Protein backbone atom coordinates (compact mmCIF):
# COMPACT_ATOMS: atom_id res chain seq x y z
CA MET A 1 -11.83 -59.05 17.56
CA ARG A 2 -8.51 -60.57 16.77
CA GLU A 3 -5.81 -58.21 15.67
CA LYS A 4 -4.58 -58.84 12.17
CA ALA A 5 -0.98 -59.88 11.95
CA PRO A 6 1.09 -57.22 10.11
CA LYS A 7 1.80 -58.10 6.52
CA GLU A 8 5.38 -58.91 5.83
CA LYS A 9 7.20 -56.84 3.28
CA PRO A 10 8.53 -58.63 0.20
CA ASN A 11 11.95 -60.07 0.82
CA GLN A 12 14.64 -57.61 -0.30
CA PRO A 13 18.22 -58.62 -0.87
CA VAL A 14 20.19 -57.61 2.19
CA LEU A 15 23.88 -56.89 2.14
CA ARG A 16 25.27 -58.47 5.26
CA GLN A 17 28.39 -57.14 6.86
CA PRO A 18 30.96 -59.76 7.85
CA ARG A 19 30.31 -60.82 11.41
CA GLN A 20 32.88 -59.43 13.81
CA GLY A 21 34.22 -61.65 16.52
CA PRO A 22 33.81 -60.64 20.16
CA THR A 23 36.25 -58.06 21.49
CA ASP A 24 39.03 -59.06 23.88
CA GLU A 25 37.13 -57.37 26.72
CA ALA A 26 33.96 -59.33 25.93
CA GLN A 27 35.85 -62.61 25.78
CA MET A 28 37.58 -61.91 29.10
CA ALA A 29 34.29 -60.93 30.72
CA ALA A 30 32.52 -64.03 29.47
CA ALA A 31 35.42 -66.24 30.58
CA ALA A 32 35.29 -64.70 34.06
CA ALA A 33 31.57 -65.37 34.31
CA LEU A 34 32.00 -68.93 33.10
CA ALA A 35 34.74 -69.56 35.65
CA ARG A 36 32.56 -68.18 38.41
CA LEU A 37 29.57 -70.26 37.39
CA GLU A 38 31.72 -73.35 36.86
CA GLN A 39 29.70 -74.30 33.84
CA LYS A 40 30.65 -77.69 32.45
CA GLN A 41 29.77 -78.07 28.81
CA PRO A 42 29.26 -81.59 27.41
CA ARG A 43 32.08 -82.89 25.27
CA ALA A 44 31.55 -84.36 21.87
CA ARG A 45 31.48 -88.12 21.92
CA GLY A 46 33.98 -90.10 19.95
CA PRO A 47 33.07 -92.20 16.93
CA MET A 48 30.40 -94.81 17.56
CA SER A 49 31.39 -98.44 17.38
CA GLN A 50 28.74 -98.99 14.68
CA ASP A 51 30.10 -96.32 12.29
CA SER A 52 31.56 -98.89 9.92
CA ILE A 53 28.34 -100.93 10.02
CA ARG A 54 26.26 -97.85 9.31
CA ASN A 55 28.35 -96.81 6.31
CA GLN A 56 28.43 -100.29 4.80
CA VAL A 57 24.70 -100.89 5.21
CA ARG A 58 23.89 -97.48 3.76
CA LYS A 59 25.98 -98.24 0.65
CA GLU A 60 24.33 -101.63 0.18
CA LEU A 61 20.77 -100.33 0.54
CA LEU A 62 21.40 -97.39 -1.79
CA ALA A 63 22.94 -99.75 -4.33
CA GLU A 64 19.89 -102.02 -4.16
CA ALA A 65 17.54 -99.05 -4.50
CA THR A 66 19.47 -97.79 -7.55
CA VAL A 67 19.26 -101.17 -9.25
CA SER A 68 15.52 -101.41 -8.63
CA GLY A 69 15.00 -97.82 -9.78
CA SER A 70 13.18 -96.97 -6.56
CA LEU A 71 15.10 -94.38 -4.61
CA ASP A 72 11.80 -93.31 -3.03
CA ALA A 73 11.67 -96.51 -0.99
CA PRO A 74 12.61 -96.46 2.71
CA GLY A 75 16.38 -96.09 2.69
CA THR A 76 16.70 -92.58 1.31
CA ASN A 77 17.22 -89.41 3.30
CA MET A 78 14.18 -87.58 1.93
CA MET A 79 11.63 -86.44 4.49
CA PRO A 80 8.18 -87.71 3.40
CA GLU A 81 5.68 -84.94 2.79
CA ALA A 82 2.44 -84.66 4.74
CA LYS A 83 -0.40 -86.45 2.95
CA GLU A 84 -3.20 -85.66 5.38
CA GLU A 85 -6.17 -83.96 3.78
CA GLY A 86 -6.50 -80.35 4.80
CA SER A 87 -3.23 -80.41 6.77
CA ALA A 88 -0.72 -79.08 4.27
CA HIS A 89 -0.04 -76.17 6.63
CA LEU A 90 0.78 -78.34 9.64
CA LEU A 91 3.98 -77.16 11.30
CA ALA A 92 4.79 -80.75 12.31
CA PRO A 93 3.49 -82.94 9.47
CA GLY A 94 4.21 -86.05 11.49
CA VAL A 95 6.74 -87.84 13.67
CA TYR A 96 9.75 -89.29 11.85
CA PHE A 97 12.77 -91.37 12.79
CA THR A 98 16.33 -91.93 11.59
CA CYS A 99 17.74 -95.42 11.10
CA PRO A 100 21.08 -95.56 12.99
CA LEU A 101 22.51 -98.02 10.43
CA THR A 102 21.58 -96.31 7.16
CA GLY A 103 20.65 -92.75 8.07
CA ALA A 104 17.29 -93.16 6.30
CA ILE A 105 14.35 -91.01 7.43
CA LEU A 106 11.38 -93.24 8.33
CA ARG A 107 7.75 -92.96 9.32
CA LYS A 108 6.63 -94.77 12.46
CA ASP A 109 5.17 -97.66 10.48
CA GLN A 110 8.42 -98.12 8.49
CA ARG A 111 10.84 -98.42 11.40
CA GLU A 112 10.79 -102.13 12.20
CA THR A 113 10.81 -103.40 8.62
CA HIS A 114 13.60 -101.08 7.52
CA ILE A 115 15.88 -101.89 10.46
CA LYS A 116 15.38 -105.62 9.98
CA GLU A 117 16.26 -105.31 6.30
CA ALA A 118 19.36 -103.28 7.18
CA ILE A 119 20.54 -105.92 9.67
CA LEU A 120 19.93 -108.80 7.25
CA SER A 121 21.81 -106.99 4.48
CA HIS A 122 24.87 -106.80 6.75
CA PHE A 123 25.30 -110.59 7.02
CA SER A 124 27.28 -110.64 3.77
CA THR A 125 29.95 -108.33 5.17
CA ASP A 126 30.07 -108.99 8.94
CA PRO A 127 28.04 -112.03 9.98
CA VAL A 128 29.13 -111.83 13.64
CA ALA A 129 27.96 -108.24 14.10
CA ALA A 130 24.79 -108.90 12.08
CA SER A 131 23.87 -111.99 14.12
CA ILE A 132 24.41 -110.08 17.39
CA MET A 133 22.15 -107.26 16.17
CA LYS A 134 19.57 -109.81 15.08
CA ILE A 135 19.52 -111.52 18.50
CA HIS A 136 19.01 -108.24 20.36
CA THR A 137 16.63 -106.59 17.88
CA PHE A 138 14.41 -109.31 16.38
CA ASN A 139 13.49 -110.83 19.76
CA LYS A 140 11.19 -108.61 21.82
CA ASP A 141 11.23 -110.44 25.16
CA ARG A 142 14.24 -108.79 26.85
CA ASP A 143 14.28 -111.24 29.77
CA ARG A 144 14.39 -114.21 27.41
CA VAL A 145 17.15 -112.55 25.36
CA LYS A 146 19.23 -111.97 28.48
CA LEU A 147 18.82 -115.58 29.58
CA GLY A 148 19.82 -116.87 26.15
CA VAL A 149 22.80 -114.50 25.84
CA ASP A 150 24.05 -115.43 29.33
CA THR A 151 23.79 -119.12 28.43
CA ILE A 152 25.80 -118.64 25.22
CA ALA A 153 28.40 -116.70 27.22
CA LYS A 154 28.63 -119.64 29.65
CA TYR A 155 29.32 -122.04 26.76
CA LEU A 156 32.14 -119.78 25.54
CA ASP A 157 33.53 -119.33 29.07
CA ASN A 158 33.80 -123.11 29.45
CA ILE A 159 35.79 -123.33 26.21
CA HIS A 160 38.08 -120.52 27.38
CA LEU A 161 38.64 -122.06 30.84
CA HIS A 162 39.04 -125.65 29.61
CA PRO A 163 40.66 -125.42 26.15
CA ALA A 164 41.92 -129.01 26.27
CA GLU A 165 38.60 -130.64 27.16
CA GLU A 166 36.75 -131.75 24.04
CA LYS A 167 33.35 -132.00 25.72
CA TYR A 168 33.14 -128.21 26.04
CA GLN A 169 33.75 -127.79 22.31
CA LYS A 170 30.50 -129.57 21.44
CA ILE A 171 26.91 -128.43 22.03
CA LYS A 172 24.06 -130.89 21.67
CA LEU A 173 21.24 -129.19 19.78
CA GLN A 174 18.50 -131.32 21.39
CA ASN A 175 19.80 -130.51 24.86
CA LYS A 176 16.95 -129.19 27.01
CA VAL A 177 18.81 -126.03 28.05
CA PHE A 178 19.77 -125.26 24.43
CA GLN A 179 16.21 -125.79 23.22
CA GLU A 180 14.55 -123.72 25.95
CA ARG A 181 17.01 -120.82 26.14
CA ILE A 182 18.79 -120.54 22.78
CA ASN A 183 16.95 -122.31 19.97
CA CYS A 184 13.86 -120.18 20.60
CA LEU A 185 15.74 -116.94 19.81
CA GLU A 186 16.18 -115.58 16.29
CA GLY A 187 19.81 -115.06 15.33
CA THR A 188 21.44 -117.52 17.71
CA HIS A 189 22.18 -120.18 15.09
CA GLU A 190 23.69 -117.53 12.80
CA PHE A 191 25.88 -116.39 15.72
CA PHE A 192 27.24 -119.86 16.49
CA GLU A 193 28.06 -120.46 12.83
CA ALA A 194 29.62 -116.99 12.44
CA ILE A 195 32.07 -117.51 15.33
CA GLY A 196 33.26 -120.91 14.08
CA PHE A 197 30.81 -123.65 15.11
CA GLN A 198 29.77 -126.23 12.52
CA LYS A 199 26.86 -128.68 12.60
CA ALA A 200 27.75 -132.37 12.68
CA LEU A 201 26.01 -135.71 13.37
CA LEU A 202 27.81 -137.47 16.19
CA PRO A 203 27.22 -140.81 17.94
CA VAL A 204 25.73 -140.69 21.42
CA LEU A 205 26.58 -143.21 24.15
CA ASP A 206 23.85 -145.86 24.69
CA GLN A 207 21.92 -144.57 21.70
CA GLU A 208 21.61 -146.20 18.27
CA SER A 209 21.08 -143.12 16.12
CA PRO A 210 23.47 -140.13 16.04
CA GLU A 211 22.38 -136.64 17.08
CA GLU A 212 23.14 -133.17 15.78
CA PHE A 213 25.79 -131.09 17.54
CA TYR A 214 27.51 -127.77 17.12
CA VAL A 215 31.25 -128.51 17.02
CA LEU A 216 33.86 -125.75 17.29
CA SER A 217 36.23 -125.76 14.32
CA GLU A 218 39.99 -126.12 14.76
CA ALA A 219 40.53 -122.64 13.29
CA ALA A 220 38.22 -121.04 15.85
CA LEU A 221 39.73 -123.05 18.69
CA ALA A 222 43.16 -121.72 17.75
CA GLN A 223 41.95 -118.13 18.28
CA PRO A 224 40.55 -118.01 21.84
CA GLN A 225 40.94 -114.21 21.94
CA SER A 226 38.43 -113.89 19.08
CA LEU A 227 35.87 -116.01 20.94
CA GLU A 228 36.32 -113.85 24.04
CA ARG A 229 35.87 -110.67 21.96
CA HIS A 230 32.70 -111.99 20.32
CA LYS A 231 31.34 -112.97 23.72
CA GLN A 232 31.85 -109.45 25.06
CA GLN A 233 30.20 -107.95 21.96
CA LEU A 234 27.19 -110.21 22.48
CA LEU A 235 26.89 -109.32 26.17
CA CYS A 236 27.22 -105.56 25.67
CA ALA A 237 24.98 -105.17 22.61
CA GLU A 238 21.65 -103.35 22.66
CA PRO A 239 18.66 -103.52 20.31
CA VAL A 240 18.97 -101.38 17.18
CA ARG A 241 16.28 -98.74 17.52
CA ALA A 242 15.27 -95.91 15.20
CA ILE A 243 16.18 -92.48 16.58
CA LEU A 244 13.52 -89.79 16.84
CA ALA A 245 14.21 -87.13 14.19
CA ARG A 246 14.20 -83.66 15.73
CA GLN A 247 12.95 -82.06 12.48
CA ARG A 248 14.69 -78.83 13.44
CA ARG A 249 13.13 -75.74 11.84
CA VAL A 250 13.72 -72.01 12.26
CA PHE A 251 10.93 -69.44 11.83
CA ARG A 252 10.87 -65.67 11.54
CA PRO A 253 9.35 -63.67 14.42
CA SER A 254 5.59 -64.16 14.39
CA PRO A 255 2.51 -63.34 16.50
CA LEU A 256 1.48 -66.97 15.87
CA ALA A 257 4.43 -68.34 17.88
CA SER A 258 2.20 -69.86 20.57
CA GLN A 259 -0.21 -71.51 18.13
CA PHE A 260 0.43 -75.17 17.32
CA GLU A 261 -1.22 -77.54 14.89
CA LEU A 262 -0.18 -81.14 15.46
CA SER A 263 -0.72 -84.29 13.44
CA ALA A 264 -2.28 -87.41 14.97
CA ASP A 265 1.23 -88.88 15.40
CA PHE A 266 1.69 -86.77 18.54
CA PHE A 267 -1.12 -88.51 20.42
CA ASN A 268 -1.62 -92.00 21.81
CA LEU A 269 -5.28 -91.40 21.03
CA THR A 270 -6.41 -89.91 17.76
CA ALA A 271 -6.65 -86.13 17.66
CA ASP A 272 -10.46 -86.29 17.58
CA GLU A 273 -10.54 -88.60 20.59
CA VAL A 274 -8.27 -86.27 22.54
CA LYS A 275 -10.42 -83.23 21.72
CA ARG A 276 -13.56 -85.09 22.79
CA GLU A 277 -11.97 -86.23 26.06
CA GLN A 278 -10.71 -82.72 26.80
CA ARG A 279 -14.17 -81.28 26.21
CA LEU A 280 -15.87 -83.85 28.45
CA ARG A 281 -13.24 -83.41 31.13
CA SER A 282 -13.56 -79.62 31.04
CA GLU A 283 -17.29 -79.94 31.58
CA ALA A 284 -16.72 -82.33 34.48
CA VAL A 285 -14.14 -80.00 36.01
CA GLU A 286 -16.60 -77.13 36.00
CA ARG A 287 -19.12 -79.26 37.90
CA LEU A 288 -16.71 -80.71 40.42
CA SER A 289 -14.13 -77.95 40.88
CA VAL A 290 -15.55 -77.01 44.28
CA LEU A 291 -15.14 -80.55 45.61
CA ARG A 292 -11.77 -81.49 44.10
CA THR A 293 -8.61 -81.00 46.16
CA LYS A 294 -5.30 -79.73 44.80
CA ALA A 295 -3.81 -83.23 45.05
CA MET A 296 -6.69 -84.66 43.04
CA ARG A 297 -6.24 -82.00 40.34
CA GLU A 298 -2.48 -82.63 40.09
CA LYS A 299 -3.02 -86.38 39.83
CA GLU A 300 -5.56 -85.89 37.07
CA GLU A 301 -3.22 -83.53 35.18
CA GLN A 302 -0.45 -86.14 35.28
CA ARG A 303 -2.86 -88.75 33.94
CA GLU A 304 -3.69 -86.39 31.07
CA MET A 305 -0.01 -85.91 30.26
CA ARG A 306 0.53 -89.66 29.82
CA LYS A 307 -1.71 -89.57 26.74
CA TYR A 308 1.10 -87.94 24.78
CA THR A 309 4.10 -89.81 23.39
CA TYR A 310 5.77 -86.86 21.66
CA THR A 311 5.92 -83.11 22.09
CA LEU A 312 6.63 -80.22 19.73
CA LEU A 313 8.74 -77.55 21.44
CA ARG A 314 9.42 -74.03 20.18
CA VAL A 315 12.01 -71.66 21.67
CA ARG A 316 11.73 -67.88 21.17
CA LEU A 317 15.19 -66.35 20.81
CA PRO A 318 16.29 -62.78 21.74
CA ASP A 319 15.81 -61.56 18.14
CA GLY A 320 12.29 -63.03 18.04
CA CYS A 321 13.19 -65.95 15.77
CA LEU A 322 11.79 -69.36 16.71
CA LEU A 323 13.67 -72.64 16.95
CA GLN A 324 11.45 -75.74 16.77
CA GLY A 325 12.07 -79.45 17.37
CA THR A 326 10.29 -82.74 18.15
CA PHE A 327 10.97 -84.70 21.35
CA TYR A 328 9.68 -87.69 23.28
CA ALA A 329 7.36 -86.60 26.07
CA ARG A 330 9.45 -88.74 28.43
CA GLU A 331 12.76 -87.04 27.53
CA ARG A 332 14.46 -84.86 30.11
CA VAL A 333 14.88 -81.09 30.03
CA ALA A 334 18.61 -81.56 29.36
CA ALA A 335 17.75 -82.85 25.86
CA LEU A 336 16.19 -79.48 24.98
CA TYR A 337 19.21 -77.59 26.30
CA MET A 338 21.49 -79.74 24.13
CA PHE A 339 19.23 -79.19 21.10
CA VAL A 340 19.32 -75.40 21.55
CA ARG A 341 23.06 -75.30 22.28
CA GLU A 342 23.84 -77.14 19.04
CA ALA A 343 22.09 -74.34 17.12
CA LEU A 344 23.93 -71.41 18.76
CA GLN A 345 26.85 -69.47 17.34
CA SER A 346 28.25 -68.97 20.86
CA ASP A 347 27.50 -72.46 22.15
CA TRP A 348 29.96 -72.01 25.01
CA LEU A 349 27.93 -69.27 26.75
CA PRO A 350 25.48 -70.41 29.46
CA PHE A 351 21.80 -69.61 28.90
CA GLU A 352 18.39 -70.17 30.46
CA LEU A 353 15.05 -71.45 29.17
CA LEU A 354 11.80 -70.15 30.62
CA ALA A 355 8.40 -71.79 30.30
CA SER A 356 5.15 -69.85 30.23
CA GLY A 357 4.65 -67.83 33.39
CA GLY A 358 8.40 -67.31 33.79
CA GLN A 359 9.09 -70.79 35.20
CA LYS A 360 12.83 -71.44 34.84
CA LEU A 361 13.75 -74.89 33.52
CA LEU A 362 17.03 -76.05 35.00
CA GLU A 363 19.31 -78.05 32.70
CA ASP A 364 20.37 -80.50 35.42
CA GLU A 365 16.82 -81.01 36.71
CA ASN A 366 15.83 -84.64 36.18
CA LEU A 367 12.30 -83.91 34.98
CA ALA A 368 10.58 -85.18 31.84
CA PHE A 369 8.73 -82.78 29.55
CA SER A 370 5.47 -84.46 30.54
CA GLU A 371 6.21 -83.74 34.21
CA CYS A 372 6.83 -80.07 33.40
CA GLY A 373 3.54 -79.72 31.52
CA LEU A 374 5.37 -79.21 28.20
CA VAL A 375 3.20 -81.63 26.18
CA PRO A 376 1.96 -82.03 23.52
CA SER A 377 3.47 -78.63 22.59
CA ALA A 378 4.95 -75.59 24.30
CA LEU A 379 6.56 -72.22 23.63
CA LEU A 380 9.62 -71.36 25.73
CA THR A 381 11.78 -68.25 25.99
CA PHE A 382 15.57 -68.15 25.64
CA SER A 383 17.78 -65.73 27.57
CA TRP A 384 21.49 -65.53 28.17
CA ASP A 385 22.67 -66.15 31.72
CA ALA A 386 22.22 -62.90 33.66
CA ALA A 387 25.70 -63.00 35.22
CA VAL A 388 27.37 -63.42 31.83
CA LEU A 389 25.36 -60.54 30.35
CA GLU A 390 26.33 -58.33 33.29
CA ASP A 391 30.03 -59.01 32.81
CA ILE A 392 29.88 -58.54 29.03
CA ARG A 393 28.08 -55.21 29.39
CA ALA A 394 30.47 -54.11 32.13
CA ALA A 395 33.22 -54.56 29.55
CA GLY A 396 31.40 -52.18 27.20
CA ALA A 397 30.15 -54.89 24.82
CA GLU A 398 26.79 -56.34 23.86
CA PRO A 399 25.91 -59.93 22.87
CA ASP A 400 24.94 -60.50 19.25
CA SER A 401 21.22 -60.03 18.66
CA SER A 402 21.27 -62.96 16.22
CA VAL A 403 22.22 -66.05 18.18
CA LEU A 404 21.73 -68.87 15.65
CA LYS A 405 24.34 -70.31 13.33
CA PRO A 406 24.32 -68.73 9.83
CA GLU A 407 23.48 -72.01 8.10
CA LEU A 408 20.26 -72.24 10.14
CA LEU A 409 19.29 -68.64 9.42
CA SER A 410 19.78 -69.26 5.70
CA ALA A 411 16.91 -71.77 5.84
CA ILE A 412 14.57 -69.60 7.93
CA GLU A 413 10.84 -69.99 7.20
CA LYS A 414 7.68 -67.97 7.65
CA LEU A 415 5.36 -69.32 10.36
């Protein structure tokens, strides 16, 4: 028989004492341990180059949504609620993403449409940046995009190297190279026009009818540094992709910590298909276990892991509270360390994460969650670095039992 989980007492208002900072001895001890361990903490990155784009696009989409009276459309920051029948209690109601341009929270099926709309809405304010994003995002064949971008860069290099030669300032639209490498890509015509090219019908030698050309305007020709800057932006750009939303949640201590209920979003197959395959495979394993070698079993386990695109990870903290987040199955262990560190009050202290069975996950180990067996869900255990704890206690101090930031604890939930 399963033991019944103890009933929680009704929440009572608790008077919290102001948190005291660490003593001088504790700080000195921790600093000594850090110096000995030579821990290098990641530095915060500077502002992204697309910050201005993101802010402008967000304003435009919110303005459009206000006018249409539909703030529930993709483009708001509200997390959609789970709609699945009988799954209101799911701890991960689905997999969601954040648009890097607008900050909107999106379902998987909303990503592409929303990002395209965000890019198109930016043409009115920055047509060069919008056309570059369109080239890299709307066209899926990355090899074809690279060939087209390199060809455009060659056109601009010729203008820069031979500013006095008029032939380099004109591009014949029916030219075979232009048609095969550039005309086939969405966004390229918008780019040429945004950087100063204009369409014109020009006579062609030994030909009766004129043909259409892109001709660089005098204003653009007078600013070669701008052309060079736009070329570098085009070459260095990447596709605009929605970012996986971590959906960070904090739960009170619970005997249900190791139980997970996942939505179908976490599987390449449907949940029912995965259950059926697991059942059939378990039956086959029982029949063949005597004949299968260790190498065969490991290979089969890796094949199983590739069925999962995402994983739901939960970390048990020293006070028993649980920190939960969503990750790609292909992400590295370092991503989980960063996720946990961002939630800590003392984010400068080194710590360890242990998988089931006491397996220590090293932060600098270049292993994906799927390679560590941490898919489609896993419970891990947090502990402070042993050397740091030893030095702190030698100084007559103890680490705080509550390790999370107060703003996270204020939103704690019952599992």
